[in-house]
């Protein structure tokens, strides 16, 4: 059903964008609790944008295929993902700060932004189990492995202070 350019495909895509944003929110909430510069809204917007851009690329490709000879016009969906990842990488780079020669902050935040992009792409490709499972894995890494990393740093500090 098409009315003024509206069809049910648009509602389905909007639903998938919403799912991506919810999954991005899960990661973003963790980053908020960790008091990181890219938090809830950033991760939601990145995940949602990735889904929307990939979905639009499929619509564009289908539109061109219906108007032109498919042998003349080829669409490479990997290029769309490359463009999305490149754009998000610049966003992630903005979160990285070098404090000293040994102290760099924001790498995990940049990685979580990139991962939110991948989750958004997975949702756009209708890989919901993969997207949800990946979101849970990100939480395990940020919380459990992050806690283990903190424990290791404390042990290193204790060893260094006892050596002095």
C-alpha atoms as a PDB file:
ATOM      1  CA  UNK A   1       0.000   0.000   0.000  1.00  0.00           C
ATOM      2  CA  UNK A   2       1.508   3.272  -1.089  1.00  0.00           C
ATOM      3  CA  UNK A   3       0.015   6.614  -0.110  1.00  0.00           C
ATOM      4  CA  UNK A   4       2.079   9.763  -0.712  1.00  0.00           C
ATOM      5  CA  UNK A   5       5.285   7.700  -0.713  1.00  0.00           C
ATOM      6  CA  UNK A   6       4.291   5.757   2.408  1.00  0.00           C
ATOM      7  CA  UNK A   7       4.475   2.000   2.543  1.00  0.00           C
ATOM      8  CA  UNK A   8       4.693  -0.581   5.299  1.00  0.00           C
ATOM      9  CA  UNK A   9       8.393  -1.136   4.587  1.00  0.00           C
ATOM     10  CA  UNK A  10       9.069   2.274   6.104  1.00  0.00           C
ATOM     11  CA  UNK A  11       7.296   1.291   9.321  1.00  0.00           C
ATOM     12  CA  UNK A  12       9.253  -1.963   9.468  1.00  0.00           C
ATOM     13  CA  UNK A  13      12.538  -0.077   9.029  1.00  0.00           C
ATOM     14  CA  UNK A  14      11.473   2.426  11.674  1.00  0.00           C
ATOM     15  CA  UNK A  15      10.829  -0.486  14.019  1.00  0.00           C
ATOM     16  CA  UNK A  16      14.303  -1.862  13.352  1.00  0.00           C
ATOM     17  CA  UNK A  17      15.836   1.565  13.955  1.00  0.00           C
ATOM     18  CA  UNK A  18      13.998   1.605  17.292  1.00  0.00           C
ATOM     19  CA  UNK A  19      15.356  -1.853  18.174  1.00  0.00           C
ATOM     20  CA  UNK A  20      18.879  -0.667  17.350  1.00  0.00           C
ATOM     21  CA  UNK A  21      18.426   2.391  19.499  1.00  0.00           C
ATOM     22  CA  UNK A  22      17.258   0.245  22.424  1.00  0.00           C
ATOM     23  CA  UNK A  23      20.296  -2.018  22.062  1.00  0.00           C
ATOM     24  CA  UNK A  24      22.541   1.052  21.803  1.00  0.00           C
ATOM     25  CA  UNK A  25      20.877   2.346  24.978  1.00  0.00           C
ATOM     26  CA  UNK A  26      21.944  -0.774  26.855  1.00  0.00           C
ATOM     27  CA  UNK A  27      25.577   0.003  26.054  1.00  0.00           C
ATOM     28  CA  UNK A  28      25.064   3.728  26.580  1.00  0.00           C
ATOM     29  CA  UNK A  29      23.632   3.236  30.065  1.00  0.00           C
ATOM     30  CA  UNK A  30      26.751   1.307  31.024  1.00  0.00           C
ATOM     31  CA  UNK A  31      28.924   4.136  29.707  1.00  0.00           C
ATOM     32  CA  UNK A  32      26.830   6.661  31.670  1.00  0.00           C
ATOM     33  CA  UNK A  33      27.408   4.721  34.882  1.00  0.00           C
ATOM     34  CA  UNK A  34      31.125   4.701  34.075  1.00  0.00           C
ATOM     35  CA  UNK A  35      30.942   8.514  33.597  1.00  0.00           C
ATOM     36  CA  UNK A  36      32.282   8.392  30.031  1.00  0.00           C
ATOM     37  CA  UNK A  37      31.943  11.215  27.480  1.00  0.00           C
ATOM     38  CA  UNK A  38      29.888   9.176  25.012  1.00  0.00           C
ATOM     39  CA  UNK A  39      26.903   7.822  26.878  1.00  0.00           C
ATOM     40  CA  UNK A  40      23.268   6.961  26.461  1.00  0.00           C
ATOM     41  CA  UNK A  41      22.193   9.320  23.680  1.00  0.00           C
ATOM     42  CA  UNK A  42      25.390   8.918  21.664  1.00  0.00           C
ATOM     43  CA  UNK A  43      25.193   5.128  21.600  1.00  0.00           C
ATOM     44  CA  UNK A  44      21.472   5.198  20.813  1.00  0.00           C
ATOM     45  CA  UNK A  45      21.959   7.612  17.929  1.00  0.00           C
ATOM     46  CA  UNK A  46      24.960   5.754  16.504  1.00  0.00           C
ATOM     47  CA  UNK A  47      23.198   2.371  16.563  1.00  0.00           C
ATOM     48  CA  UNK A  48      20.001   3.828  15.090  1.00  0.00           C
ATOM     49  CA  UNK A  49      21.864   5.747  12.396  1.00  0.00           C
ATOM     50  CA  UNK A  50      23.778   2.646  11.334  1.00  0.00           C
ATOM     51  CA  UNK A  51      20.524   0.712  10.915  1.00  0.00           C
ATOM     52  CA  UNK A  52      18.862   3.520   9.006  1.00  0.00           C
ATOM     53  CA  UNK A  53      21.823   4.030   6.659  1.00  0.00           C
ATOM     54  CA  UNK A  54      22.099   0.337   5.799  1.00  0.00           C
ATOM     55  CA  UNK A  55      18.325   0.066   5.307  1.00  0.00           C
ATOM     56  CA  UNK A  56      18.349   3.125   3.051  1.00  0.00           C
ATOM     57  CA  UNK A  57      21.207   1.656   1.036  1.00  0.00           C
ATOM     58  CA  UNK A  58      19.060  -1.421   0.360  1.00  0.00           C
ATOM     59  CA  UNK A  59      16.167   0.816  -0.733  1.00  0.00           C
ATOM     60  CA  UNK A  60      18.445   2.847  -3.003  1.00  0.00           C
ATOM     61  CA  UNK A  61      19.913  -0.288  -4.578  1.00  0.00           C
ATOM     62  CA  UNK A  62      16.453  -1.773  -5.201  1.00  0.00           C
ATOM     63  CA  UNK A  63      15.230   1.512  -6.681  1.00  0.00           C
ATOM     64  CA  UNK A  64      18.134   1.718  -9.105  1.00  0.00           C
ATOM     65  CA  UNK A  65      17.846  -1.957 -10.038  1.00  0.00           C
ATOM     66  CA  UNK A  66      14.212  -1.450 -10.985  1.00  0.00           C
ATOM     67  CA  UNK A  67      15.059   1.555 -13.185  1.00  0.00           C
ATOM     68  CA  UNK A  68      18.333   0.435 -14.778  1.00  0.00           C
ATOM     69  CA  UNK A  69      19.844  -2.703 -16.191  1.00  0.00           C
ATOM     70  CA  UNK A  70      21.293  -4.626 -13.193  1.00  0.00           C
ATOM     71  CA  UNK A  71      24.298  -5.611 -15.322  1.00  0.00           C
ATOM     72  CA  UNK A  72      25.200  -1.939 -15.834  1.00  0.00           C
ATOM     73  CA  UNK A  73      24.561  -0.746 -12.295  1.00  0.00           C
ATOM     74  CA  UNK A  74      25.990  -2.685  -9.411  1.00  0.00           C
ATOM     75  CA  UNK A  75      25.615  -1.853  -5.738  1.00  0.00           C
ATOM     76  CA  UNK A  76      28.120  -3.057  -3.198  1.00  0.00           C
ATOM     77  CA  UNK A  77      26.536  -3.185   0.265  1.00  0.00           C
ATOM     78  CA  UNK A  78      29.975  -3.543   1.854  1.00  0.00           C
ATOM     79  CA  UNK A  79      30.798  -0.010   0.669  1.00  0.00           C
ATOM     80  CA  UNK A  80      27.831   1.363   2.581  1.00  0.00           C
ATOM     81  CA  UNK A  81      29.054  -0.361   5.745  1.00  0.00           C
ATOM     82  CA  UNK A  82      32.558   0.981   5.116  1.00  0.00           C
ATOM     83  CA  UNK A  83      31.201   4.517   4.829  1.00  0.00           C
ATOM     84  CA  UNK A  84      29.176   4.161   8.033  1.00  0.00           C
ATOM     85  CA  UNK A  85      32.147   2.722   9.920  1.00  0.00           C
ATOM     86  CA  UNK A  86      34.469   5.450   8.629  1.00  0.00           C
ATOM     87  CA  UNK A  87      32.095   8.183   9.774  1.00  0.00           C
ATOM     88  CA  UNK A  88      31.629   6.629  13.187  1.00  0.00           C
ATOM     89  CA  UNK A  89      35.385   6.156  13.548  1.00  0.00           C
ATOM     90  CA  UNK A  90      35.825   9.922  13.384  1.00  0.00           C
ATOM     91  CA  UNK A  91      33.248  10.262  16.145  1.00  0.00           C
ATOM     92  CA  UNK A  92      35.090   7.664  18.210  1.00  0.00           C
ATOM     93  CA  UNK A  93      38.431   9.350  17.614  1.00  0.00           C
ATOM     94  CA  UNK A  94      37.028  12.475  19.221  1.00  0.00           C
ATOM     95  CA  UNK A  95      36.621  10.600  22.509  1.00  0.00           C
ATOM     96  CA  UNK A  96      40.301   9.602  22.729  1.00  0.00           C
ATOM     97  CA  UNK A  97      42.474  11.860  24.877  1.00  0.00           C
ATOM     98  CA  UNK A  98      46.197  11.507  25.537  1.00  0.00           C
ATOM     99  CA  UNK A  99      46.995  12.675  29.067  1.00  0.00           C
ATOM    100  CA  UNK A 100      50.685  11.689  29.077  1.00  0.00           C
ATOM    101  CA  UNK A 101      53.024   9.320  27.296  1.00  0.00           C
ATOM    102  CA  UNK A 102      51.589   6.403  29.297  1.00  0.00           C
ATOM    103  CA  UNK A 103      48.024   7.564  29.892  1.00  0.00           C
ATOM    104  CA  UNK A 104      45.411   7.490  27.128  1.00  0.00           C
ATOM    105  CA  UNK A 105      41.690   7.761  27.853  1.00  0.00           C
ATOM    106  CA  UNK A 106      38.660   7.039  25.731  1.00  0.00           C
ATOM    107  CA  UNK A 107      39.777   3.970  23.798  1.00  0.00           C
ATOM    108  CA  UNK A 108      37.072   1.760  25.285  1.00  0.00           C
ATOM    109  CA  UNK A 109      34.456   4.447  24.637  1.00  0.00           C
ATOM    110  CA  UNK A 110      35.586   4.704  21.005  1.00  0.00           C
ATOM    111  CA  UNK A 111      35.410   0.924  20.691  1.00  0.00           C
ATOM    112  CA  UNK A 112      31.925   0.826  22.234  1.00  0.00           C
ATOM    113  CA  UNK A 113      30.742   3.464  19.743  1.00  0.00           C
ATOM    114  CA  UNK A 114      32.139   1.384  16.885  1.00  0.00           C
ATOM    115  CA  UNK A 115      30.474  -1.712  18.315  1.00  0.00           C
ATOM    116  CA  UNK A 116      27.131   0.114  18.572  1.00  0.00           C
ATOM    117  CA  UNK A 117      27.516   0.756  14.846  1.00  0.00           C
ATOM    118  CA  UNK A 118      28.039  -2.935  14.156  1.00  0.00           C
ATOM    119  CA  UNK A 119      24.959  -3.764  16.233  1.00  0.00           C
ATOM    120  CA  UNK A 120      22.947  -1.261  14.209  1.00  0.00           C
ATOM    121  CA  UNK A 121      24.175  -2.846  10.979  1.00  0.00           C
ATOM    122  CA  UNK A 122      23.240  -6.310  12.276  1.00  0.00           C
ATOM    123  CA  UNK A 123      19.701  -5.114  13.044  1.00  0.00           C
ATOM    124  CA  UNK A 124      19.424  -3.537   9.582  1.00  0.00           C
ATOM    125  CA  UNK A 125      20.325  -6.910   8.095  1.00  0.00           C
ATOM    126  CA  UNK A 126      17.605  -8.564  10.254  1.00  0.00           C
ATOM    127  CA  UNK A 127      20.159 -10.410  12.386  1.00  0.00           C
ATOM    128  CA  UNK A 128      18.370  -9.759  15.686  1.00  0.00           C
ATOM    129  CA  UNK A 129      19.775 -12.728  17.606  1.00  0.00           C
ATOM    130  CA  UNK A 130      23.273 -11.680  16.576  1.00  0.00           C
ATOM    131  CA  UNK A 131      22.576  -8.049  17.542  1.00  0.00           C
ATOM    132  CA  UNK A 132      21.073  -8.900  20.944  1.00  0.00           C
ATOM    133  CA  UNK A 133      23.760 -11.483  21.706  1.00  0.00           C
ATOM    134  CA  UNK A 134      26.487  -9.036  20.725  1.00  0.00           C
ATOM    135  CA  UNK A 135      24.968  -6.372  22.975  1.00  0.00           C
ATOM    136  CA  UNK A 136      25.103  -8.791  25.898  1.00  0.00           C
ATOM    137  CA  UNK A 137      28.717  -9.656  25.092  1.00  0.00           C
ATOM    138  CA  UNK A 138      29.604  -5.952  25.071  1.00  0.00           C
ATOM    139  CA  UNK A 139      28.055  -5.601  28.531  1.00  0.00           C
ATOM    140  CA  UNK A 140      30.088  -8.558  29.809  1.00  0.00           C
ATOM    141  CA  UNK A 141      33.259  -6.983  28.450  1.00  0.00           C
ATOM    142  CA  UNK A 142      32.496  -3.516  29.801  1.00  0.00           C
ATOM    143  CA  UNK A 143      31.351  -4.677  33.246  1.00  0.00           C
ATOM    144  CA  UNK A 144      32.986  -8.019  34.056  1.00  0.00           C
ATOM    145  CA  UNK A 145      36.249  -7.640  32.165  1.00  0.00           C
ATOM    146  CA  UNK A 146      36.337  -3.951  33.115  1.00  0.00           C
ATOM    147  CA  UNK A 147      36.102  -4.940  36.786  1.00  0.00           C
ATOM    148  CA  UNK A 148      38.857  -7.524  36.318  1.00  0.00           C
ATOM    149  CA  UNK A 149      41.004  -4.877  34.626  1.00  0.00           C
ATOM    150  CA  UNK A 150      40.489  -2.542  37.601  1.00  0.00           C
ATOM    151  CA  UNK A 151      41.490  -5.358  39.966  1.00  0.00           C
ATOM    152  CA  UNK A 152      44.700  -5.927  37.959  1.00  0.00           C
ATOM    153  CA  UNK A 153      45.553  -2.197  38.089  1.00  0.00           C
ATOM    154  CA  UNK A 154      45.053  -2.145  41.866  1.00  0.00           C
ATOM    155  CA  UNK A 155      47.346  -5.155  42.256  1.00  0.00           C
ATOM    156  CA  UNK A 156      49.979  -3.445  40.103  1.00  0.00           C
ATOM    157  CA  UNK A 157      49.756  -0.313  42.259  1.00  0.00           C
ATOM    158  CA  UNK A 158      50.124  -2.413  45.428  1.00  0.00           C
ATOM    159  CA  UNK A 159      53.212  -4.138  44.018  1.00  0.00           C
ATOM    160  CA  UNK A 160      54.750  -0.819  42.959  1.00  0.00           C
ATOM    161  CA  UNK A 161      54.050   0.821  46.324  1.00  0.00           C
ATOM    162  CA  UNK A 162      55.582  -2.137  48.223  1.00  0.00           C
ATOM    163  CA  UNK A 163      58.717  -1.948  46.034  1.00  0.00           C
ATOM    164  CA  UNK A 164      59.299   1.685  46.988  1.00  0.00           C
END
